[in-house]
Amino acid sequence: MVKVLLLKAYDNHPFGSGGERSMLELLRNFSSRGCECRAVYLYIDADFGRHSKAAMRHGMRLIDKNSCRLLLEYDSIQVEMINIDAFSRIRACDPIRCITGVINAFKPDWIWYMFFNMSITRMLADMRFSRAVAFVQDVFFPRPPDTDRPTSEHIRSLPAVIANSRFVAKTFADAWGIKPRIQTPIIDPHQFTAVNRRPKYVAMIGSAPGKGRAHFLRIAAGSPRHSFLLIGRLTDDQARHAAGLSNLEVVTERYTTGTLYADIRLLCVPSVVPEAFSRVIVEAGMNGIPALAFDTGGVTEALNGSGMAFSLPEGSAAGDGLLPLRPWTDAIEALDDEDAYARASAAARRSAFETAAKAEKECGNLVQLFRPHAQRSAER
């Protein structure tokens, strides 16, 4: 059995955002290929209840819990989630010391961590832990001038840096001179294919800054004949704007993965910052839902020839009222035609399953990196 420590530190998104889902799907895929895994997942966030509820919504089964720890199962994988904030208060020490304590107790074969800042990399460099893999999930990673030389050397010595798209891999290679492996997010169609579909809404999923919520509200205002759905949270100003739109419904946590796409007819991804990928495009495509998006970052990789990608004016910012609106409203109108929608739906489904097949192939190559450790563990 391979023991993997998952680190997602200094990020307060609840469990289920793209990064840790990608890691857990990789572990599950490894297990299905005969490379059995057990995981400990560490995160720094005081809102423990929010994480535990999100984990349940994403198909994890609760086995045991206490004030700072959840023991869960994700299919055949045992995952222990530890809230480092709570753990450090109990131990009366800082979070980094708590993390090193867990590492020493768990004795992982591998550490997988999200490359958001240098704290974890610096800690692993200090510990001389060599079997670490950095997952680069977006383009907002530290650049070499921001790091000290020993830490930079540690990054260059890692067995693997894994990017979730060609766009992220190129951005990282340009900055660090290191060519990452590419592991397209693994998306299980059984989790995201909705039953009893009743498509009605033009929808957007997501609350993070830069996702284009303000532009989505403008699209809804410009298409009064269509019903819109925003799954996420709004700022106070956006909420006041949304309240005046009779064709818009806003929800937060109404959906689980199995029902998320049941009501959606068309997906909007109006991100105005470079997206690393866009797994919601692939998830929607598995349900035959076409997507409209700005062509930022890795979005075009997720579209994979389907949907429509609109050019984003250079220098655009979130909430910019000058973002092009007409292409979006015209496309929504055009897809009212049943034949046009059927063609777009078939293309979305085809491209999504092509992307899923590519991810499976990449995973088959990646598992070879970890299989020797599974064999050695079995011999022990």
Protein backbone atom coordinates (compact mmCIF):
# COMPACT_ATOMS: atom_id res chain seq x y z
CA MET A 1 0.00 0.00 0.00
CA VAL A 2 1.24 3.47 -0.90
CA LYS A 3 0.75 6.07 1.84
CA VAL A 4 0.17 9.54 0.40
CA LEU A 5 0.01 12.77 2.37
CA LEU A 6 -2.08 15.46 0.63
CA LEU A 7 -1.30 19.04 1.56
CA LYS A 8 -3.55 21.94 0.71
CA ALA A 9 -2.36 24.66 3.02
CA TYR A 10 -3.19 28.36 3.18
CA ASP A 11 -6.34 28.16 1.10
CA ASN A 12 -9.81 28.44 2.58
CA HIS A 13 -11.89 26.96 -0.25
CA PRO A 14 -14.09 24.15 1.06
CA PHE A 15 -13.31 20.57 0.17
CA GLY A 16 -14.35 19.78 -3.38
CA SER A 17 -12.61 22.53 -5.34
CA GLY A 18 -10.64 21.38 -8.36
CA GLY A 19 -7.27 20.76 -6.72
CA GLU A 20 -8.04 18.16 -4.07
CA ARG A 21 -10.69 16.52 -6.23
CA SER A 22 -8.00 15.98 -8.87
CA MET A 23 -5.69 14.43 -6.27
CA LEU A 24 -8.39 12.13 -4.88
CA GLU A 25 -9.47 11.04 -8.36
CA LEU A 26 -5.83 10.20 -9.11
CA LEU A 27 -5.62 8.10 -5.94
CA ARG A 28 -8.84 6.29 -6.80
CA ASN A 29 -7.58 5.66 -10.32
CA PHE A 30 -4.27 4.34 -8.96
CA SER A 31 -6.15 1.94 -6.67
CA SER A 32 -8.19 0.63 -9.58
CA ARG A 33 -4.90 -0.11 -11.40
CA GLY A 34 -3.60 -2.25 -8.53
CA CYS A 35 -1.61 0.50 -6.78
CA GLU A 36 -3.48 0.55 -3.44
CA CYS A 37 -3.39 3.88 -1.59
CA ARG A 38 -4.17 5.37 1.78
CA ALA A 39 -4.24 9.14 2.27
CA VAL A 40 -4.04 11.80 4.93
CA TYR A 41 -5.35 15.21 3.79
CA LEU A 42 -4.15 18.27 5.70
CA TYR A 43 -5.57 21.75 5.28
CA ILE A 44 -5.40 25.05 7.10
CA ASP A 45 -8.89 26.45 7.62
CA ALA A 46 -10.81 27.11 10.80
CA ASP A 47 -14.19 26.31 9.21
CA PHE A 48 -14.15 22.57 9.86
CA GLY A 49 -17.91 22.12 9.51
CA ARG A 50 -17.89 23.62 6.03
CA HIS A 51 -15.22 21.14 4.90
CA SER A 52 -17.00 18.13 6.39
CA LYS A 53 -20.34 19.02 4.76
CA ALA A 54 -18.65 19.55 1.41
CA ALA A 55 -16.88 16.19 1.67
CA MET A 56 -20.21 14.45 2.22
CA ARG A 57 -21.73 16.19 -0.79
CA HIS A 58 -18.85 14.95 -2.93
CA GLY A 59 -19.50 11.30 -2.24
CA MET A 60 -17.22 10.60 0.73
CA ARG A 61 -18.53 8.32 3.49
CA LEU A 62 -17.94 9.34 7.11
CA ILE A 63 -16.41 6.64 9.33
CA ASP A 64 -15.36 8.62 12.41
CA LYS A 65 -14.80 12.22 13.54
CA ASN A 66 -13.62 14.39 16.40
CA SER A 67 -12.95 18.10 16.87
CA CYS A 68 -10.10 18.31 14.37
CA ARG A 69 -10.23 15.08 12.36
CA LEU A 70 -12.50 13.25 9.94
CA LEU A 71 -11.97 9.67 8.85
CA LEU A 72 -13.65 9.04 5.51
CA GLU A 73 -13.82 6.55 2.69
CA TYR A 74 -13.67 7.54 -0.96
CA ASP A 75 -14.61 4.31 -2.68
CA SER A 76 -11.89 1.93 -1.47
CA ILE A 77 -9.51 4.67 -0.30
CA GLN A 78 -9.29 5.60 3.37
CA VAL A 79 -8.82 9.35 3.73
CA GLU A 80 -8.09 11.06 7.04
CA MET A 81 -8.79 14.82 6.95
CA ILE A 82 -7.00 16.84 9.62
CA ASN A 83 -7.76 20.49 10.32
CA ILE A 84 -4.32 21.91 11.07
CA ASP A 85 -5.79 25.08 12.60
CA ALA A 86 -7.62 23.06 15.26
CA PHE A 87 -4.76 20.57 15.63
CA SER A 88 -2.21 23.36 16.22
CA ARG A 89 -4.40 24.90 18.93
CA ILE A 90 -4.64 21.55 20.72
CA ARG A 91 -0.88 21.04 20.45
CA ALA A 92 -0.15 24.72 21.22
CA CYS A 93 2.29 25.09 18.33
CA ASP A 94 2.35 26.71 14.89
CA PRO A 95 0.78 25.00 11.84
CA ILE A 96 4.06 24.16 10.11
CA ARG A 97 5.33 22.32 13.21
CA CYS A 98 2.04 20.41 13.32
CA ILE A 99 2.44 19.44 9.68
CA THR A 100 5.95 18.13 10.28
CA GLY A 101 4.62 16.21 13.29
CA VAL A 102 1.96 14.52 11.15
CA ILE A 103 4.56 13.72 8.48
CA ASN A 104 6.82 12.09 11.05
CA ALA A 105 3.93 10.08 12.52
CA PHE A 106 2.29 9.02 9.24
CA LYS A 107 5.62 8.28 7.46
CA PRO A 108 4.21 8.80 3.95
CA ASP A 109 5.73 7.22 0.87
CA TRP A 110 4.81 10.36 -1.04
CA ILE A 111 3.71 13.91 -0.32
CA TRP A 112 1.48 15.57 -2.86
CA TYR A 113 1.04 19.28 -2.33
CA MET A 114 -0.53 22.22 -4.09
CA PHE A 115 2.01 24.76 -5.22
CA PHE A 116 0.29 27.95 -4.00
CA ASN A 117 3.13 29.50 -2.05
CA MET A 118 6.61 28.62 -0.86
CA SER A 119 5.90 27.66 2.77
CA ILE A 120 5.35 23.94 2.10
CA THR A 121 8.20 23.72 -0.42
CA ARG A 122 10.53 25.42 2.07
CA MET A 123 9.43 23.03 4.83
CA LEU A 124 10.05 19.97 2.63
CA ALA A 125 13.42 21.36 1.60
CA ASP A 126 14.36 21.81 5.28
CA MET A 127 13.24 18.22 5.99
CA ARG A 128 15.12 16.95 2.90
CA PHE A 129 11.98 15.05 1.92
CA SER A 130 12.68 13.94 -1.63
CA ARG A 131 9.51 12.02 -2.60
CA ALA A 132 7.30 15.07 -3.01
CA VAL A 133 5.17 16.01 -5.99
CA ALA A 134 4.05 19.58 -6.61
CA PHE A 135 0.63 19.98 -8.21
CA VAL A 136 0.37 23.23 -10.14
CA GLN A 137 -3.37 23.90 -10.46
CA ASP A 138 -3.35 27.54 -11.59
CA VAL A 139 -0.95 30.17 -12.93
CA PHE A 140 -0.77 32.21 -9.73
CA PHE A 141 2.26 30.31 -8.42
CA PRO A 142 5.45 31.86 -7.02
CA ARG A 143 8.15 32.82 -9.49
CA PRO A 144 11.88 32.09 -9.00
CA PRO A 145 12.82 35.69 -8.02
CA ASP A 146 10.46 35.37 -5.04
CA THR A 147 12.25 32.33 -3.61
CA ASP A 148 15.53 31.62 -1.87
CA ARG A 149 18.10 29.48 -3.66
CA PRO A 150 17.81 26.27 -1.53
CA THR A 151 14.03 26.23 -2.01
CA SER A 152 14.35 26.81 -5.75
CA GLU A 153 16.86 23.97 -5.97
CA HIS A 154 14.45 21.71 -4.06
CA ILE A 155 11.69 22.42 -6.60
CA ARG A 156 14.04 21.53 -9.44
CA SER A 157 14.97 18.27 -7.69
CA LEU A 158 11.38 17.03 -7.26
CA PRO A 159 10.57 13.69 -8.92
CA ALA A 160 7.61 15.34 -10.63
CA VAL A 161 5.78 18.59 -11.05
CA ILE A 162 2.27 17.95 -12.35
CA ALA A 163 0.23 20.54 -14.21
CA ASN A 164 -3.46 20.18 -14.99
CA SER A 165 -3.32 21.60 -18.53
CA ARG A 166 -0.94 22.41 -21.36
CA PHE A 167 -1.50 26.10 -20.62
CA VAL A 168 -0.38 25.77 -16.99
CA ALA A 169 2.54 23.52 -17.99
CA LYS A 170 3.82 26.10 -20.47
CA THR A 171 3.40 28.96 -17.98
CA PHE A 172 5.33 27.01 -15.34
CA ALA A 173 8.04 25.95 -17.79
CA ASP A 174 8.52 29.56 -18.92
CA ALA A 175 8.93 30.69 -15.30
CA TRP A 176 11.00 27.83 -13.83
CA GLY A 177 12.67 26.14 -16.78
CA ILE A 178 11.06 22.85 -15.66
CA LYS A 179 8.74 20.93 -17.95
CA PRO A 180 5.87 19.52 -15.86
CA ARG A 181 4.03 16.31 -16.54
CA ILE A 182 0.46 16.97 -17.64
CA GLN A 183 -2.38 15.23 -15.88
CA THR A 184 -5.72 16.40 -17.21
CA PRO A 185 -8.29 16.33 -14.38
CA ILE A 186 -9.86 12.88 -14.09
CA ILE A 187 -13.63 13.22 -14.11
CA ASP A 188 -15.81 10.21 -13.41
CA PRO A 189 -18.92 10.37 -15.60
CA HIS A 190 -20.84 8.20 -13.10
CA GLN A 191 -20.50 10.97 -10.52
CA PHE A 192 -21.50 13.85 -12.74
CA THR A 193 -24.04 12.39 -15.16
CA ALA A 194 -27.43 13.54 -13.93
CA VAL A 195 -30.51 11.32 -14.13
CA ASN A 196 -34.00 12.65 -14.85
CA ARG A 197 -32.62 15.67 -16.69
CA ARG A 198 -35.05 18.55 -17.08
CA PRO A 199 -32.88 21.20 -18.80
CA LYS A 200 -34.20 24.70 -18.36
CA TYR A 201 -31.49 27.13 -17.27
CA VAL A 202 -28.60 29.04 -18.76
CA ALA A 203 -26.26 28.57 -15.80
CA MET A 204 -22.99 29.64 -14.24
CA ILE A 205 -21.18 27.69 -11.50
CA GLY A 206 -18.69 29.35 -9.16
CA SER A 207 -18.13 32.23 -6.76
CA ALA A 208 -14.39 32.89 -6.87
CA PRO A 209 -13.24 36.40 -7.83
CA GLY A 210 -12.52 36.69 -11.52
CA LYS A 211 -15.07 34.04 -12.53
CA GLY A 212 -17.16 36.72 -14.25
CA ARG A 213 -20.25 36.89 -12.03
CA ALA A 214 -20.87 40.55 -12.93
CA HIS A 215 -20.74 39.74 -16.63
CA PHE A 216 -23.12 36.81 -16.13
CA LEU A 217 -25.63 39.19 -14.52
CA ARG A 218 -25.32 41.46 -17.59
CA ILE A 219 -25.97 38.46 -19.86
CA ALA A 220 -29.08 37.59 -17.85
CA ALA A 221 -30.30 41.20 -18.06
CA GLY A 222 -29.68 41.16 -21.83
CA SER A 223 -31.63 37.91 -22.38
CA PRO A 224 -34.93 38.47 -20.56
CA ARG A 225 -36.73 35.62 -22.39
CA HIS A 226 -34.39 32.99 -20.93
CA SER A 227 -34.18 31.55 -17.41
CA PHE A 228 -30.81 31.91 -15.70
CA LEU A 229 -29.29 30.11 -12.72
CA LEU A 230 -26.19 31.13 -10.75
CA ILE A 231 -24.81 28.48 -8.41
CA GLY A 232 -22.57 30.36 -6.02
CA ARG A 233 -22.42 33.49 -3.91
CA LEU A 234 -22.67 37.15 -4.89
CA THR A 235 -21.21 40.31 -3.45
CA ASP A 236 -23.68 42.73 -1.83
CA ASP A 237 -23.71 44.96 -4.93
CA GLN A 238 -24.20 41.97 -7.23
CA ALA A 239 -27.00 40.62 -5.01
CA ARG A 240 -28.84 43.96 -5.29
CA HIS A 241 -28.44 43.79 -9.09
CA ALA A 242 -29.62 40.17 -9.16
CA ALA A 243 -32.70 40.99 -7.07
CA GLY A 244 -33.95 43.15 -9.92
CA LEU A 245 -33.75 40.33 -12.49
CA SER A 246 -36.95 38.30 -12.57
CA ASN A 247 -35.38 35.68 -14.89
CA LEU A 248 -32.46 34.86 -12.53
CA GLU A 249 -32.32 32.37 -9.66
CA VAL A 250 -29.33 32.32 -7.31
CA VAL A 251 -28.57 29.25 -5.16
CA THR A 252 -25.58 28.27 -3.04
CA GLU A 253 -25.45 24.65 -1.81
CA ARG A 254 -28.59 23.15 -3.26
CA TYR A 255 -26.85 20.64 -5.50
CA THR A 256 -24.82 17.48 -4.99
CA THR A 257 -22.57 16.14 -7.73
CA GLY A 258 -25.24 13.69 -8.89
CA THR A 259 -27.88 16.37 -9.49
CA LEU A 260 -25.75 19.39 -10.35
CA TYR A 261 -26.44 19.31 -14.08
CA ALA A 262 -30.05 18.09 -14.06
CA ASP A 263 -31.58 21.54 -14.59
CA ILE A 264 -28.93 23.10 -16.84
CA ARG A 265 -29.43 23.52 -20.59
CA LEU A 266 -26.45 25.76 -21.36
CA LEU A 267 -23.33 26.55 -19.30
CA CYS A 268 -21.64 29.96 -19.19
CA VAL A 269 -17.98 30.28 -18.17
CA PRO A 270 -17.32 34.03 -18.38
CA SER A 271 -14.00 33.99 -16.46
CA VAL A 272 -11.96 37.14 -16.90
CA VAL A 273 -8.77 35.73 -15.34
CA PRO A 274 -6.68 32.92 -16.88
CA GLU A 275 -8.36 29.63 -16.04
CA ALA A 276 -5.98 26.70 -15.54
CA PHE A 277 -8.54 24.37 -17.09
CA SER A 278 -12.30 24.31 -16.47
CA ARG A 279 -13.55 20.98 -15.23
CA VAL A 280 -17.15 22.21 -15.14
CA ILE A 281 -17.06 22.40 -18.95
CA VAL A 282 -16.13 18.70 -19.13
CA GLU A 283 -18.64 17.71 -16.43
CA ALA A 284 -21.38 19.59 -18.27
CA GLY A 285 -20.31 18.08 -21.58
CA MET A 286 -20.76 14.59 -20.18
CA ASN A 287 -24.43 15.54 -19.82
CA GLY A 288 -24.60 16.93 -23.35
CA ILE A 289 -24.61 20.53 -22.10
CA PRO A 290 -22.82 22.97 -24.44
CA ALA A 291 -20.66 25.72 -22.96
CA LEU A 292 -20.04 29.37 -23.81
CA ALA A 293 -16.79 30.84 -22.48
CA PHE A 294 -14.16 33.52 -22.78
CA ASP A 295 -10.99 32.03 -24.28
CA THR A 296 -8.88 32.54 -21.15
CA GLY A 297 -6.00 30.22 -20.31
CA GLY A 298 -6.83 26.52 -20.44
CA VAL A 299 -10.56 26.97 -21.14
CA THR A 300 -10.08 26.13 -24.83
CA GLU A 301 -8.46 22.82 -23.79
CA ALA A 302 -11.55 21.96 -21.76
CA LEU A 303 -13.84 22.94 -24.66
CA ASN A 304 -11.78 20.68 -26.94
CA GLY A 305 -13.42 21.99 -30.10
CA SER A 306 -16.96 22.14 -28.73
CA GLY A 307 -19.07 25.06 -27.52
CA MET A 308 -18.16 28.64 -28.29
CA ALA A 309 -15.13 30.60 -27.10
CA PHE A 310 -15.28 34.41 -27.26
CA SER A 311 -12.25 36.67 -27.32
CA LEU A 312 -11.62 38.57 -24.10
CA PRO A 313 -10.46 42.16 -24.66
CA GLU A 314 -6.92 42.72 -23.43
CA GLY A 315 -6.75 44.24 -19.96
CA SER A 316 -10.30 43.27 -19.00
CA ALA A 317 -11.12 43.13 -15.31
CA ALA A 318 -13.86 41.43 -13.29
CA GLY A 319 -17.04 43.45 -13.44
CA ASP A 320 -15.86 45.54 -16.40
CA GLY A 321 -19.00 46.86 -18.08
CA LEU A 322 -17.14 47.06 -21.41
CA LEU A 323 -16.86 43.28 -21.82
CA PRO A 324 -18.55 42.14 -25.04
CA LEU A 325 -22.17 41.19 -24.37
CA ARG A 326 -23.72 40.71 -27.81
CA PRO A 327 -21.81 37.52 -28.75
CA TRP A 328 -23.15 35.82 -25.60
CA THR A 329 -26.77 36.87 -26.03
CA ASP A 330 -26.70 36.05 -29.76
CA ALA A 331 -25.29 32.56 -29.05
CA ILE A 332 -27.98 31.90 -26.44
CA GLU A 333 -30.65 32.92 -28.93
CA ALA A 334 -29.11 30.78 -31.70
CA LEU A 335 -29.17 27.68 -29.48
CA ASP A 336 -32.94 28.03 -29.06
CA ASP A 337 -33.08 26.27 -32.43
CA GLU A 338 -33.56 22.58 -31.66
CA ASP A 339 -31.32 21.31 -34.48
CA ALA A 340 -28.52 23.74 -33.58
CA TYR A 341 -28.78 22.73 -29.92
CA ALA A 342 -28.74 19.00 -30.78
CA ARG A 343 -25.52 19.46 -32.78
CA ALA A 344 -23.91 21.51 -30.00
CA SER A 345 -25.02 18.97 -27.39
CA ALA A 346 -23.55 16.04 -29.34
CA ALA A 347 -20.27 17.92 -29.83
CA ALA A 348 -20.07 18.74 -26.10
CA ARG A 349 -20.64 15.11 -25.15
CA ARG A 350 -18.11 13.83 -27.67
CA SER A 351 -15.37 16.28 -26.64
CA ALA A 352 -15.96 15.62 -22.91
CA PHE A 353 -15.47 11.88 -23.28
CA GLU A 354 -12.41 12.44 -25.49
CA THR A 355 -10.95 14.58 -22.70
CA ALA A 356 -11.79 11.91 -20.11
CA ALA A 357 -10.08 9.23 -22.22
CA LYS A 358 -6.97 11.41 -22.53
CA ALA A 359 -6.89 11.87 -18.73
CA GLU A 360 -7.08 8.10 -18.22
CA LYS A 361 -4.16 7.54 -20.58
CA GLU A 362 -2.06 10.20 -18.81
CA CYS A 363 -2.86 8.57 -15.47
CA GLY A 364 -1.69 5.19 -16.76
CA ASN A 365 1.70 6.76 -17.49
CA LEU A 366 1.85 8.55 -14.15
CA VAL A 367 1.06 5.49 -12.03
CA GLN A 368 4.38 3.96 -13.12
CA LEU A 369 6.15 6.62 -11.04
CA PHE A 370 4.46 5.36 -7.86
CA ARG A 371 4.15 1.62 -8.49
CA PRO A 372 7.68 0.73 -7.21
CA HIS A 373 6.76 2.14 -3.80
CA ALA A 374 3.60 0.06 -3.71
CA GLN A 375 5.67 -3.04 -4.45
CA ARG A 376 8.22 -2.22 -1.74
CA SER A 377 5.40 -1.58 0.78
CA ALA A 378 3.86 -4.93 -0.06
CA GLU A 379 7.23 -6.67 0.46
CA ARG A 380 7.56 -5.03 3.89
